[in-house]
Amino acid sequence: MTTLNTPAADAVSSVADGTFGELPTKILQHASGARAEILVRGATVLSWQAPWHGRTEHLIDGYDDDVDFATQRGGRSAVLFPFANRLRDNRYTFDGTTHEVGLQFPVDKEVIHGSARMADWTVVEESASAERVSVTFAFSIRPDDVPGYPFALDATLRFELTATSLDLLLTYRNVGETDAPVAAGWHPYFQVPGHTSIDTLSLRVPARAAIVTDETLVPLPGDAAYAPMDDDLVHETLDGVVYDHAWDRLELDEDGRARTLLTDPTTGEGVAVWQERGTLLVFTGDVLSRPRRSAAIEPLETMTDAFNRSEREADVRVRVGEEKTFAFGAEVVLNG
């Protein structure tokens, strides 16, 4: 059972305007006390707070300030679009044509995570009720926008806040004249109240294959990229565990969601990161300026370098006029 704050009698849900430095934000406030602030630039979640045993606690570890955001170090809560993670040798071949992709941002040492995370998205819809609060952002890519990506896409991203969850729905349509490759994802960092380091937290990933990579973190060719697993990946604590690794063949719960758990090993309380399909990546953040304060748990539509893999062709291909969706998010895990 989940324990919630008792809201004030006059508490209401709302969507309000805010600022992060000089950058505009949208603030989702739920009557329960849950709150999320989302930067319009990049549709970037800056914070998510939820009721936790009679108080409200932070569960997403975002950027410290607008200067921190501008660096893009760590890609905190970045929307990964139109591709996630790396491309081997910064190129890919699609329908017989090889495309060379340049760096999107100065902080990057390689082509990684697409271009949407620093774009100015547009707010197209807001909604607030007693059950949920939502805001929807829109973003478009056209053939001349991104070197090495000559395709046309229209995308929307809907954020929905409830008392116990922050849920996202990414929808994208190919509005161009040729098929296009897309492999999207999300790059949030999660923390659990009462823990200043992930070293004291447990991790469970409901996967049946580990993705095996080379020294550049690009998956090995062919079947060598998949190491079968008989059961979930489980770490009783993350002390001494270093990851920038992904898992595949996720096991779904009865409601059609695969849930990765980051929890207190004693109480079992924490965060469940859910996705309807795809690949899951965990980054323990050891090289960041505030190492191991939180863990990036990243729902992805498919594996790294999928544009270059024949077995992932159906994952990434978006035909002319076709629309696809990817649903994912996070839930509070609490005992009574």
C-alpha atoms as a PDB file:
ATOM      1  CA  MET A   1       0.000   0.000   0.000  1.00  0.00           C
ATOM      2  CA  THR A   2       1.215   3.527  -0.797  1.00  0.00           C
ATOM      3  CA  THR A   3       1.122   6.137   1.961  1.00  0.00           C
ATOM      4  CA  LEU A   4       0.234   9.629   0.714  1.00  0.00           C
ATOM      5  CA  ASN A   5       0.178  13.083   2.189  1.00  0.00           C
ATOM      6  CA  THR A   6      -3.219  14.261   3.295  1.00  0.00           C
ATOM      7  CA  PRO A   7      -3.825  17.280   1.056  1.00  0.00           C
ATOM      8  CA  ALA A   8      -5.243  20.479   2.423  1.00  0.00           C
ATOM      9  CA  ALA A   9      -8.981  20.824   2.020  1.00  0.00           C
ATOM     10  CA  ASP A  10      -8.492  23.554  -0.578  1.00  0.00           C
ATOM     11  CA  ALA A  11      -5.644  21.813  -2.458  1.00  0.00           C
ATOM     12  CA  VAL A  12      -6.105  21.772  -6.221  1.00  0.00           C
ATOM     13  CA  SER A  13      -4.153  20.465  -9.180  1.00  0.00           C
ATOM     14  CA  SER A  14      -2.693  23.011 -11.570  1.00  0.00           C
ATOM     15  CA  VAL A  15      -0.239  23.832 -14.348  1.00  0.00           C
ATOM     16  CA  ALA A  16       1.746  27.040 -13.865  1.00  0.00           C
ATOM     17  CA  ASP A  17       4.548  28.934 -15.553  1.00  0.00           C
ATOM     18  CA  GLY A  18       7.979  29.087 -13.915  1.00  0.00           C
ATOM     19  CA  THR A  19      11.567  29.965 -14.702  1.00  0.00           C
ATOM     20  CA  PHE A  20      14.939  28.245 -14.351  1.00  0.00           C
ATOM     21  CA  GLY A  21      17.393  31.111 -14.531  1.00  0.00           C
ATOM     22  CA  GLU A  22      16.094  32.892 -17.612  1.00  0.00           C
ATOM     23  CA  LEU A  23      14.588  29.763 -19.162  1.00  0.00           C
ATOM     24  CA  PRO A  24      10.824  29.113 -19.054  1.00  0.00           C
ATOM     25  CA  THR A  25       9.414  26.054 -17.303  1.00  0.00           C
ATOM     26  CA  LYS A  26       6.072  24.399 -16.711  1.00  0.00           C
ATOM     27  CA  ILE A  27       5.223  23.421 -13.135  1.00  0.00           C
ATOM     28  CA  LEU A  28       2.787  20.552 -12.624  1.00  0.00           C
ATOM     29  CA  GLN A  29       1.230  20.591  -9.152  1.00  0.00           C
ATOM     30  CA  HIS A  30      -1.005  17.735  -8.010  1.00  0.00           C
ATOM     31  CA  ALA A  31      -3.493  18.134  -5.160  1.00  0.00           C
ATOM     32  CA  SER A  32      -1.697  15.346  -3.254  1.00  0.00           C
ATOM     33  CA  GLY A  33       1.454  17.480  -3.031  1.00  0.00           C
ATOM     34  CA  ALA A  34       3.229  15.789  -5.943  1.00  0.00           C
ATOM     35  CA  ARG A  35       5.092  18.282  -8.122  1.00  0.00           C
ATOM     36  CA  ALA A  36       7.166  18.245 -11.315  1.00  0.00           C
ATOM     37  CA  GLU A  37       8.986  21.083 -13.021  1.00  0.00           C
ATOM     38  CA  ILE A  38       9.785  20.691 -16.718  1.00  0.00           C
ATOM     39  CA  LEU A  39      12.041  22.957 -18.734  1.00  0.00           C
ATOM     40  CA  VAL A  40      10.537  23.933 -22.081  1.00  0.00           C
ATOM     41  CA  ARG A  41      13.978  23.686 -23.665  1.00  0.00           C
ATOM     42  CA  GLY A  42      14.505  20.027 -24.378  1.00  0.00           C
ATOM     43  CA  ALA A  43      11.266  19.106 -22.537  1.00  0.00           C
ATOM     44  CA  THR A  44      13.668  18.380 -19.672  1.00  0.00           C
ATOM     45  CA  VAL A  45      12.395  17.250 -16.266  1.00  0.00           C
ATOM     46  CA  LEU A  46      14.203  19.353 -13.667  1.00  0.00           C
ATOM     47  CA  SER A  47      12.537  17.801 -10.623  1.00  0.00           C
ATOM     48  CA  TRP A  48       9.887  15.352  -9.535  1.00  0.00           C
ATOM     49  CA  GLN A  49       8.610  15.307  -5.961  1.00  0.00           C
ATOM     50  CA  ALA A  50       6.053  12.895  -4.577  1.00  0.00           C
ATOM     51  CA  PRO A  51       4.338  12.181  -1.243  1.00  0.00           C
ATOM     52  CA  TRP A  52       6.523   9.974   0.963  1.00  0.00           C
ATOM     53  CA  HIS A  53       5.334   8.938   4.440  1.00  0.00           C
ATOM     54  CA  GLY A  54       3.635  12.216   5.278  1.00  0.00           C
ATOM     55  CA  ARG A  55       6.102  14.513   3.550  1.00  0.00           C
ATOM     56  CA  THR A  56       7.135  15.314  -0.020  1.00  0.00           C
ATOM     57  CA  GLU A  57      10.491  14.038  -1.304  1.00  0.00           C
ATOM     58  CA  HIS A  58      12.612  14.473  -4.434  1.00  0.00           C
ATOM     59  CA  LEU A  59      12.941  11.380  -6.626  1.00  0.00           C
ATOM     60  CA  ILE A  60      14.614  12.802  -9.754  1.00  0.00           C
ATOM     61  CA  ASP A  61      18.105  14.304  -9.507  1.00  0.00           C
ATOM     62  CA  GLY A  62      18.112  17.168 -12.018  1.00  0.00           C
ATOM     63  CA  TYR A  63      20.370  20.045 -12.982  1.00  0.00           C
ATOM     64  CA  ASP A  64      21.554  22.437 -10.257  1.00  0.00           C
ATOM     65  CA  ASP A  65      20.918  25.609 -12.282  1.00  0.00           C
ATOM     66  CA  ASP A  66      20.635  26.918 -15.836  1.00  0.00           C
ATOM     67  CA  VAL A  67      24.429  27.043 -16.192  1.00  0.00           C
ATOM     68  CA  ASP A  68      24.602  23.366 -15.253  1.00  0.00           C
ATOM     69  CA  PHE A  69      21.870  22.621 -17.803  1.00  0.00           C
ATOM     70  CA  ALA A  70      23.732  24.494 -20.547  1.00  0.00           C
ATOM     71  CA  THR A  71      26.735  22.193 -20.163  1.00  0.00           C
ATOM     72  CA  GLN A  72      24.559  19.102 -20.752  1.00  0.00           C
ATOM     73  CA  ARG A  73      26.981  17.061 -18.658  1.00  0.00           C
ATOM     74  CA  GLY A  74      25.267  13.842 -17.746  1.00  0.00           C
ATOM     75  CA  GLY A  75      22.276  14.526 -19.992  1.00  0.00           C
ATOM     76  CA  ARG A  76      19.980  14.739 -16.964  1.00  0.00           C
ATOM     77  CA  SER A  77      16.424  13.755 -17.932  1.00  0.00           C
ATOM     78  CA  ALA A  78      17.308  14.344 -21.578  1.00  0.00           C
ATOM     79  CA  VAL A  79      14.800  13.295 -24.214  1.00  0.00           C
ATOM     80  CA  LEU A  80      16.859  11.107 -26.558  1.00  0.00           C
ATOM     81  CA  PHE A  81      15.504  11.777 -30.046  1.00  0.00           C
ATOM     82  CA  PRO A  82      15.753  10.910 -32.917  1.00  0.00           C
ATOM     83  CA  PHE A  83      18.318   8.424 -31.628  1.00  0.00           C
ATOM     84  CA  ALA A  84      19.595   7.289 -28.235  1.00  0.00           C
ATOM     85  CA  ASN A  85      23.189   6.591 -27.233  1.00  0.00           C
ATOM     86  CA  ARG A  86      25.984   6.067 -29.753  1.00  0.00           C
ATOM     87  CA  LEU A  87      26.457   5.344 -33.442  1.00  0.00           C
ATOM     88  CA  ARG A  88      29.479   3.259 -34.407  1.00  0.00           C
ATOM     89  CA  ASP A  89      32.130   5.578 -35.913  1.00  0.00           C
ATOM     90  CA  ASN A  90      29.536   8.393 -35.849  1.00  0.00           C
ATOM     91  CA  ARG A  91      27.758   7.065 -38.923  1.00  0.00           C
ATOM     92  CA  TYR A  92      24.942   4.769 -39.964  1.00  0.00           C
ATOM     93  CA  THR A  93      23.606   3.199 -43.156  1.00  0.00           C
ATOM     94  CA  PHE A  94      19.876   3.294 -43.862  1.00  0.00           C
ATOM     95  CA  ASP A  95      18.288   2.016 -47.084  1.00  0.00           C
ATOM     96  CA  GLY A  96      21.686   1.785 -48.744  1.00  0.00           C
ATOM     97  CA  THR A  97      22.860   5.309 -47.939  1.00  0.00           C
ATOM     98  CA  THR A  98      25.565   6.011 -45.361  1.00  0.00           C
ATOM     99  CA  HIS A  99      25.114   9.154 -43.292  1.00  0.00           C
ATOM    100  CA  GLU A 100      27.870  10.915 -41.340  1.00  0.00           C
ATOM    101  CA  VAL A 101      26.500  12.552 -38.177  1.00  0.00           C
ATOM    102  CA  GLY A 102      28.315  15.464 -36.528  1.00  0.00           C
ATOM    103  CA  LEU A 103      28.459  16.405 -32.863  1.00  0.00           C
ATOM    104  CA  GLN A 104      25.297  18.066 -31.617  1.00  0.00           C
ATOM    105  CA  PHE A 105      26.747  19.819 -28.545  1.00  0.00           C
ATOM    106  CA  PRO A 106      30.243  20.973 -27.477  1.00  0.00           C
ATOM    107  CA  VAL A 107      30.251  18.858 -24.312  1.00  0.00           C
ATOM    108  CA  ASP A 108      29.959  15.647 -26.316  1.00  0.00           C
ATOM    109  CA  LYS A 109      33.119  13.769 -27.268  1.00  0.00           C
ATOM    110  CA  GLU A 110      31.168  11.655 -29.736  1.00  0.00           C
ATOM    111  CA  VAL A 111      27.835  11.567 -31.528  1.00  0.00           C
ATOM    112  CA  ILE A 112      25.331  10.655 -28.827  1.00  0.00           C
ATOM    113  CA  HIS A 113      21.694  11.093 -27.789  1.00  0.00           C
ATOM    114  CA  GLY A 114      20.334  13.073 -30.741  1.00  0.00           C
ATOM    115  CA  SER A 115      19.447  16.744 -31.032  1.00  0.00           C
ATOM    116  CA  ALA A 116      16.131  17.223 -29.200  1.00  0.00           C
ATOM    117  CA  ARG A 117      17.567  17.723 -25.698  1.00  0.00           C
ATOM    118  CA  MET A 118      18.594  21.340 -26.369  1.00  0.00           C
ATOM    119  CA  ALA A 119      15.812  22.294 -28.774  1.00  0.00           C
ATOM    120  CA  ASP A 120      13.062  24.719 -27.834  1.00  0.00           C
ATOM    121  CA  TRP A 121       9.920  22.603 -27.682  1.00  0.00           C
ATOM    122  CA  THR A 122       6.449  24.176 -27.884  1.00  0.00           C
ATOM    123  CA  VAL A 123       3.721  23.787 -25.274  1.00  0.00           C
ATOM    124  CA  VAL A 124       0.595  22.612 -27.113  1.00  0.00           C
ATOM    125  CA  GLU A 125      -1.733  21.395 -24.351  1.00  0.00           C
ATOM    126  CA  GLU A 126      -2.259  21.641 -20.589  1.00  0.00           C
ATOM    127  CA  SER A 127      -4.749  19.854 -18.371  1.00  0.00           C
ATOM    128  CA  ALA A 128      -5.452  19.581 -14.625  1.00  0.00           C
ATOM    129  CA  SER A 129      -7.944  17.474 -12.691  1.00  0.00           C
ATOM    130  CA  ALA A 130      -8.199  15.868  -9.270  1.00  0.00           C
ATOM    131  CA  GLU A 131      -6.692  12.651 -10.652  1.00  0.00           C
ATOM    132  CA  ARG A 132      -3.854  13.937 -12.867  1.00  0.00           C
ATOM    133  CA  VAL A 133      -2.050  16.974 -14.243  1.00  0.00           C
ATOM    134  CA  SER A 134      -0.504  17.008 -17.696  1.00  0.00           C
ATOM    135  CA  VAL A 135       1.371  19.104 -20.214  1.00  0.00           C
ATOM    136  CA  THR A 136       2.239  18.235 -23.813  1.00  0.00           C
ATOM    137  CA  PHE A 137       5.211  19.579 -25.756  1.00  0.00           C
ATOM    138  CA  ALA A 138       5.801  19.466 -29.529  1.00  0.00           C
ATOM    139  CA  PHE A 139       9.004  19.333 -31.573  1.00  0.00           C
ATOM    140  CA  SER A 140       9.832  18.924 -35.271  1.00  0.00           C
ATOM    141  CA  ILE A 141      12.888  17.854 -37.253  1.00  0.00           C
ATOM    142  CA  ARG A 142      13.318  18.735 -40.919  1.00  0.00           C
ATOM    143  CA  PRO A 143      15.950  17.476 -43.391  1.00  0.00           C
ATOM    144  CA  ASP A 144      18.287  20.462 -43.056  1.00  0.00           C
ATOM    145  CA  ASP A 145      18.142  20.676 -39.260  1.00  0.00           C
ATOM    146  CA  VAL A 146      20.612  17.956 -38.221  1.00  0.00           C
ATOM    147  CA  PRO A 147      23.698  17.092 -40.311  1.00  0.00           C
ATOM    148  CA  GLY A 148      23.528  13.433 -41.239  1.00  0.00           C
ATOM    149  CA  TYR A 149      19.806  13.100 -40.495  1.00  0.00           C
ATOM    150  CA  PRO A 150      17.895  14.143 -43.656  1.00  0.00           C
ATOM    151  CA  PHE A 151      14.421  13.151 -42.468  1.00  0.00           C
ATOM    152  CA  ALA A 152      11.210  14.919 -41.428  1.00  0.00           C
ATOM    153  CA  LEU A 153       9.478  14.096 -38.146  1.00  0.00           C
ATOM    154  CA  ASP A 154       6.829  15.697 -35.958  1.00  0.00           C
ATOM    155  CA  ALA A 155       6.858  14.649 -32.299  1.00  0.00           C
ATOM    156  CA  THR A 156       4.875  15.307 -29.143  1.00  0.00           C
ATOM    157  CA  LEU A 157       5.769  14.389 -25.570  1.00  0.00           C
ATOM    158  CA  ARG A 158       3.058  14.260 -22.923  1.00  0.00           C
ATOM    159  CA  PHE A 159       3.942  14.387 -19.207  1.00  0.00           C
ATOM    160  CA  GLU A 160       1.283  13.203 -16.763  1.00  0.00           C
ATOM    161  CA  LEU A 161       1.680  13.674 -13.005  1.00  0.00           C
ATOM    162  CA  THR A 162      -0.404  11.772 -10.455  1.00  0.00           C
ATOM    163  CA  ALA A 163      -0.030  11.353  -6.717  1.00  0.00           C
ATOM    164  CA  THR A 164       2.314   8.394  -7.228  1.00  0.00           C
ATOM    165  CA  SER A 165       3.735   8.600 -10.754  1.00  0.00           C
ATOM    166  CA  LEU A 166       5.274  10.668 -13.528  1.00  0.00           C
ATOM    167  CA  ASP A 167       4.288   9.110 -16.855  1.00  0.00           C
ATOM    168  CA  LEU A 168       5.469  10.057 -20.350  1.00  0.00           C
ATOM    169  CA  LEU A 169       4.087   9.331 -23.808  1.00  0.00           C
ATOM    170  CA  LEU A 170       6.264  10.099 -26.827  1.00  0.00           C
ATOM    171  CA  THR A 171       4.445  10.160 -30.166  1.00  0.00           C
ATOM    172  CA  TYR A 172       6.215  10.754 -33.464  1.00  0.00           C
ATOM    173  CA  ARG A 173       5.137  10.744 -37.098  1.00  0.00           C
ATOM    174  CA  ASN A 174       7.137  10.556 -40.307  1.00  0.00           C
ATOM    175  CA  VAL A 175       5.954  13.564 -42.323  1.00  0.00           C
ATOM    176  CA  GLY A 176       8.693  13.266 -44.949  1.00  0.00           C
ATOM    177  CA  GLU A 177       8.888  11.647 -48.373  1.00  0.00           C
ATOM    178  CA  THR A 178      11.104   8.693 -47.377  1.00  0.00           C
ATOM    179  CA  ASP A 179      11.159   6.173 -44.548  1.00  0.00           C
ATOM    180  CA  ALA A 180      13.141   7.351 -41.514  1.00  0.00           C
ATOM    181  CA  PRO A 181      15.081   5.678 -38.680  1.00  0.00           C
ATOM    182  CA  VAL A 182      14.138   6.550 -35.089  1.00  0.00           C
ATOM    183  CA  ALA A 183      15.351   5.083 -31.779  1.00  0.00           C
ATOM    184  CA  ALA A 184      14.158   7.207 -28.846  1.00  0.00           C
ATOM    185  CA  GLY A 185      14.634   7.145 -25.093  1.00  0.00           C
ATOM    186  CA  TRP A 186      14.809   9.042 -21.804  1.00  0.00           C
ATOM    187  CA  HIS A 187      17.824   9.724 -19.545  1.00  0.00           C
ATOM    188  CA  PRO A 188      16.562  10.499 -15.987  1.00  0.00           C
ATOM    189  CA  TYR A 189      18.591  10.102 -12.768  1.00  0.00           C
ATOM    190  CA  PHE A 190      16.746   8.679  -9.778  1.00  0.00           C
ATOM    191  CA  GLN A 191      17.387   8.869  -6.050  1.00  0.00           C
ATOM    192  CA  VAL A 192      15.651   7.353  -3.034  1.00  0.00           C
ATOM    193  CA  PRO A 193      14.801   9.439   0.060  1.00  0.00           C
ATOM    194  CA  GLY A 194      17.102   8.785   3.007  1.00  0.00           C
ATOM    195  CA  HIS A 195      20.033   7.693   0.822  1.00  0.00           C
ATOM    196  CA  THR A 196      22.821  10.106  -0.149  1.00  0.00           C
ATOM    197  CA  SER A 197      24.477   7.504  -2.391  1.00  0.00           C
ATOM    198  CA  ILE A 198      23.270   4.723  -4.642  1.00  0.00           C
ATOM    199  CA  ASP A 199      25.778   2.448  -2.866  1.00  0.00           C
ATOM    200  CA  THR A 200      23.144   1.636  -0.244  1.00  0.00           C
ATOM    201  CA  LEU A 201      20.380   0.891  -2.769  1.00  0.00           C
ATOM    202  CA  SER A 202      19.195  -2.305  -4.448  1.00  0.00           C
ATOM    203  CA  LEU A 203      18.699  -2.728  -8.194  1.00  0.00           C
ATOM    204  CA  ARG A 204      16.505  -5.192 -10.069  1.00  0.00           C
ATOM    205  CA  VAL A 205      16.287  -5.288 -13.881  1.00  0.00           C
ATOM    206  CA  PRO A 206      13.659  -7.698 -15.335  1.00  0.00           C
ATOM    207  CA  ALA A 207      15.739  -8.752 -18.347  1.00  0.00           C
ATOM    208  CA  ARG A 208      16.611 -12.021 -20.057  1.00  0.00           C
ATOM    209  CA  ALA A 209      19.625 -10.753 -22.029  1.00  0.00           C
ATOM    210  CA  ALA A 210      22.550  -8.468 -21.257  1.00  0.00           C
ATOM    211  CA  ILE A 211      23.887  -6.320 -24.090  1.00  0.00           C
ATOM    212  CA  VAL A 212      27.607  -6.985 -24.630  1.00  0.00           C
ATOM    213  CA  THR A 213      29.643  -4.023 -25.901  1.00  0.00           C
ATOM    214  CA  ASP A 214      33.159  -3.218 -27.027  1.00  0.00           C
ATOM    215  CA  GLU A 215      35.434  -0.651 -25.376  1.00  0.00           C
ATOM    216  CA  THR A 216      33.499   2.194 -27.056  1.00  0.00           C
ATOM    217  CA  LEU A 217      30.205   0.977 -25.484  1.00  0.00           C
ATOM    218  CA  VAL A 218      28.846  -0.027 -28.896  1.00  0.00           C
ATOM    219  CA  PRO A 219      27.275  -3.530 -28.963  1.00  0.00           C
ATOM    220  CA  LEU A 220      29.261  -6.346 -30.540  1.00  0.00           C
ATOM    221  CA  PRO A 221      28.219  -7.503 -34.018  1.00  0.00           C
ATOM    222  CA  GLY A 222      25.475 -10.075 -34.468  1.00  0.00           C
ATOM    223  CA  ASP A 223      24.477 -12.604 -31.823  1.00  0.00           C
ATOM    224  CA  ALA A 224      27.607 -11.847 -29.776  1.00  0.00           C
ATOM    225  CA  ALA A 225      25.803  -8.707 -28.543  1.00  0.00           C
ATOM    226  CA  TYR A 226      23.305 -10.757 -26.519  1.00  0.00           C
ATOM    227  CA  ALA A 227      24.273 -12.680 -23.387  1.00  0.00           C
ATOM    228  CA  PRO A 228      21.256 -14.770 -22.283  1.00  0.00           C
ATOM    229  CA  MET A 229      20.059 -14.526 -18.664  1.00  0.00           C
ATOM    230  CA  ASP A 230      17.957 -17.079 -16.789  1.00  0.00           C
ATOM    231  CA  ASP A 231      16.492 -14.591 -14.331  1.00  0.00           C
ATOM    232  CA  ASP A 232      16.353 -10.914 -13.398  1.00  0.00           C
ATOM    233  CA  LEU A 233      19.554  -8.987 -12.769  1.00  0.00           C
ATOM    234  CA  VAL A 234      19.619  -8.347  -8.992  1.00  0.00           C
ATOM    235  CA  HIS A 235      22.071  -6.400  -6.827  1.00  0.00           C
ATOM    236  CA  GLU A 236      21.273  -6.393  -3.128  1.00  0.00           C
ATOM    237  CA  THR A 237      23.305  -3.175  -2.985  1.00  0.00           C
ATOM    238  CA  LEU A 238      25.136  -1.185  -5.646  1.00  0.00           C
ATOM    239  CA  ASP A 239      28.229  -0.740  -3.495  1.00  0.00           C
ATOM    240  CA  GLY A 240      31.203  -1.336  -5.811  1.00  0.00           C
ATOM    241  CA  VAL A 241      28.960  -1.864  -8.868  1.00  0.00           C
ATOM    242  CA  VAL A 242      29.827   0.309 -11.878  1.00  0.00           C
ATOM    243  CA  TYR A 243      27.476   0.343 -14.858  1.00  0.00           C
ATOM    244  CA  ASP A 244      27.098   2.037 -18.192  1.00  0.00           C
ATOM    245  CA  HIS A 245      25.366  -1.056 -19.517  1.00  0.00           C
ATOM    246  CA  ALA A 246      22.094  -2.138 -21.092  1.00  0.00           C
ATOM    247  CA  TRP A 247      19.737  -5.112 -20.875  1.00  0.00           C
ATOM    248  CA  ASP A 248      17.233  -6.466 -23.361  1.00  0.00           C
ATOM    249  CA  ARG A 249      14.348  -8.962 -23.662  1.00  0.00           C
ATOM    250  CA  LEU A 250      12.541  -7.315 -20.782  1.00  0.00           C
ATOM    251  CA  GLU A 251       9.909  -9.279 -18.877  1.00  0.00           C
ATOM    252  CA  LEU A 252       6.535  -7.544 -18.674  1.00  0.00           C
ATOM    253  CA  ASP A 253       4.242  -7.499 -15.658  1.00  0.00           C
ATOM    254  CA  GLU A 254       0.570  -8.404 -16.046  1.00  0.00           C
ATOM    255  CA  ASP A 255      -0.290  -4.805 -16.946  1.00  0.00           C
ATOM    256  CA  GLY A 256       2.119  -4.818 -19.897  1.00  0.00           C
ATOM    257  CA  ARG A 257       4.873  -2.809 -18.220  1.00  0.00           C
ATOM    258  CA  ALA A 258       8.458  -3.852 -17.513  1.00  0.00           C
ATOM    259  CA  ARG A 259       9.602  -2.362 -14.206  1.00  0.00           C
ATOM    260  CA  THR A 260      13.186  -1.740 -13.118  1.00  0.00           C
ATOM    261  CA  LEU A 261      13.432  -1.210  -9.353  1.00  0.00           C
ATOM    262  CA  LEU A 262      15.788   1.085  -7.432  1.00  0.00           C
ATOM    263  CA  THR A 263      14.941   0.558  -3.773  1.00  0.00           C
ATOM    264  CA  ASP A 264      16.028   0.529  -0.161  1.00  0.00           C
ATOM    265  CA  PRO A 265      17.150  -3.085   0.463  1.00  0.00           C
ATOM    266  CA  THR A 266      15.607  -3.140   3.939  1.00  0.00           C
ATOM    267  CA  THR A 267      12.184  -1.671   3.244  1.00  0.00           C
ATOM    268  CA  GLY A 268      11.802  -2.371  -0.489  1.00  0.00           C
ATOM    269  CA  GLU A 269      10.724   1.257  -0.965  1.00  0.00           C
ATOM    270  CA  GLY A 270      11.951   3.464  -3.770  1.00  0.00           C
ATOM    271  CA  VAL A 271      11.237   3.957  -7.476  1.00  0.00           C
ATOM    272  CA  ALA A 272       9.999   1.692 -10.263  1.00  0.00           C
ATOM    273  CA  VAL A 273      11.000   2.859 -13.748  1.00  0.00           C
ATOM    274  CA  TRP A 274       8.579   1.399 -16.273  1.00  0.00           C
ATOM    275  CA  GLN A 275       8.431   1.009 -20.034  1.00  0.00           C
ATOM    276  CA  GLU A 276       6.145  -0.805 -22.429  1.00  0.00           C
ATOM    277  CA  ARG A 277       8.934  -2.328 -24.544  1.00  0.00           C
ATOM    278  CA  GLY A 278      12.549  -1.908 -25.583  1.00  0.00           C
ATOM    279  CA  THR A 279      15.899  -1.902 -23.817  1.00  0.00           C
ATOM    280  CA  LEU A 280      16.902  -0.633 -20.365  1.00  0.00           C
ATOM    281  CA  LEU A 281      20.240   1.068 -19.621  1.00  0.00           C
ATOM    282  CA  VAL A 282      21.750   1.784 -16.192  1.00  0.00           C
ATOM    283  CA  PHE A 283      24.497   4.376 -15.678  1.00  0.00           C
ATOM    284  CA  THR A 284      25.888   4.684 -12.149  1.00  0.00           C
ATOM    285  CA  GLY A 285      27.346   8.134 -12.823  1.00  0.00           C
ATOM    286  CA  ASP A 286      30.871   7.476 -11.549  1.00  0.00           C
ATOM    287  CA  VAL A 287      32.459  10.053 -13.892  1.00  0.00           C
ATOM    288  CA  LEU A 288      30.045  12.898 -13.067  1.00  0.00           C
ATOM    289  CA  SER A 289      30.766  15.929 -10.900  1.00  0.00           C
ATOM    290  CA  ARG A 290      28.541  14.505  -8.163  1.00  0.00           C
ATOM    291  CA  PRO A 291      29.324  10.805  -8.586  1.00  0.00           C
ATOM    292  CA  ARG A 292      26.912   8.077  -7.480  1.00  0.00           C
ATOM    293  CA  ARG A 293      24.428  10.451  -5.859  1.00  0.00           C
ATOM    294  CA  SER A 294      21.802   9.041  -8.194  1.00  0.00           C
ATOM    295  CA  ALA A 295      21.556   6.424 -10.936  1.00  0.00           C
ATOM    296  CA  ALA A 296      20.465   6.986 -14.515  1.00  0.00           C
ATOM    297  CA  ILE A 297      17.824   4.388 -15.331  1.00  0.00           C
ATOM    298  CA  GLU A 298      17.036   4.862 -19.001  1.00  0.00           C
ATOM    299  CA  PRO A 299      14.027   3.395 -20.833  1.00  0.00           C
ATOM    300  CA  LEU A 300      14.977   3.020 -24.500  1.00  0.00           C
ATOM    301  CA  GLU A 301      13.019   1.879 -27.534  1.00  0.00           C
ATOM    302  CA  THR A 302      15.893  -0.298 -28.682  1.00  0.00           C
ATOM    303  CA  MET A 303      19.617  -0.925 -28.258  1.00  0.00           C
ATOM    304  CA  THR A 304      22.593   1.345 -28.919  1.00  0.00           C
ATOM    305  CA  ASP A 305      23.615   1.599 -32.602  1.00  0.00           C
ATOM    306  CA  ALA A 306      20.302   0.087 -33.703  1.00  0.00           C
ATOM    307  CA  PHE A 307      20.419   2.129 -36.931  1.00  0.00           C
ATOM    308  CA  ASN A 308      23.333  -0.092 -38.025  1.00  0.00           C
ATOM    309  CA  ARG A 309      21.892  -3.481 -36.999  1.00  0.00           C
ATOM    310  CA  SER A 310      19.863  -5.604 -39.407  1.00  0.00           C
ATOM    311  CA  GLU A 311      17.998  -7.431 -36.603  1.00  0.00           C
ATOM    312  CA  ARG A 312      16.732  -4.064 -35.314  1.00  0.00           C
ATOM    313  CA  GLU A 313      15.437  -2.816 -38.661  1.00  0.00           C
ATOM    314  CA  ALA A 314      11.806  -3.219 -37.623  1.00  0.00           C
ATOM    315  CA  ASP A 315      12.506  -1.372 -34.357  1.00  0.00           C
ATOM    316  CA  VAL A 316      13.820   1.757 -36.015  1.00  0.00           C
ATOM    317  CA  ARG A 317      11.998   2.048 -39.338  1.00  0.00           C
ATOM    318  CA  VAL A 318       9.188   4.610 -39.476  1.00  0.00           C
ATOM    319  CA  ARG A 319       7.464   4.491 -42.831  1.00  0.00           C
ATOM    320  CA  VAL A 320       6.156   7.534 -44.666  1.00  0.00           C
ATOM    321  CA  GLY A 321       3.041   8.736 -42.868  1.00  0.00           C
ATOM    322  CA  GLU A 322       3.458   6.226 -40.031  1.00  0.00           C
ATOM    323  CA  GLU A 323       3.022   7.218 -36.382  1.00  0.00           C
ATOM    324  CA  LYS A 324       4.650   5.413 -33.468  1.00  0.00           C
ATOM    325  CA  THR A 325       4.420   5.808 -29.701  1.00  0.00           C
ATOM    326  CA  PHE A 326       6.688   4.951 -26.793  1.00  0.00           C
ATOM    327  CA  ALA A 327       5.275   4.991 -23.267  1.00  0.00           C
ATOM    328  CA  PHE A 328       7.444   5.027 -20.125  1.00  0.00           C
ATOM    329  CA  GLY A 329       7.736   6.692 -16.730  1.00  0.00           C
ATOM    330  CA  ALA A 330       8.334   6.201 -13.029  1.00  0.00           C
ATOM    331  CA  GLU A 331       6.250   5.163 -10.025  1.00  0.00           C
ATOM    332  CA  VAL A 332       6.715   5.549  -6.283  1.00  0.00           C
ATOM    333  CA  VAL A 333       7.144   2.233  -4.454  1.00  0.00           C
ATOM    334  CA  LEU A 334       6.014   2.540  -0.819  1.00  0.00           C
ATOM    335  CA  ASN A 335       4.800   0.200   1.913  1.00  0.00           C
ATOM    336  CA  GLY A 336       2.026   1.132   4.284  1.00  0.00           C
END
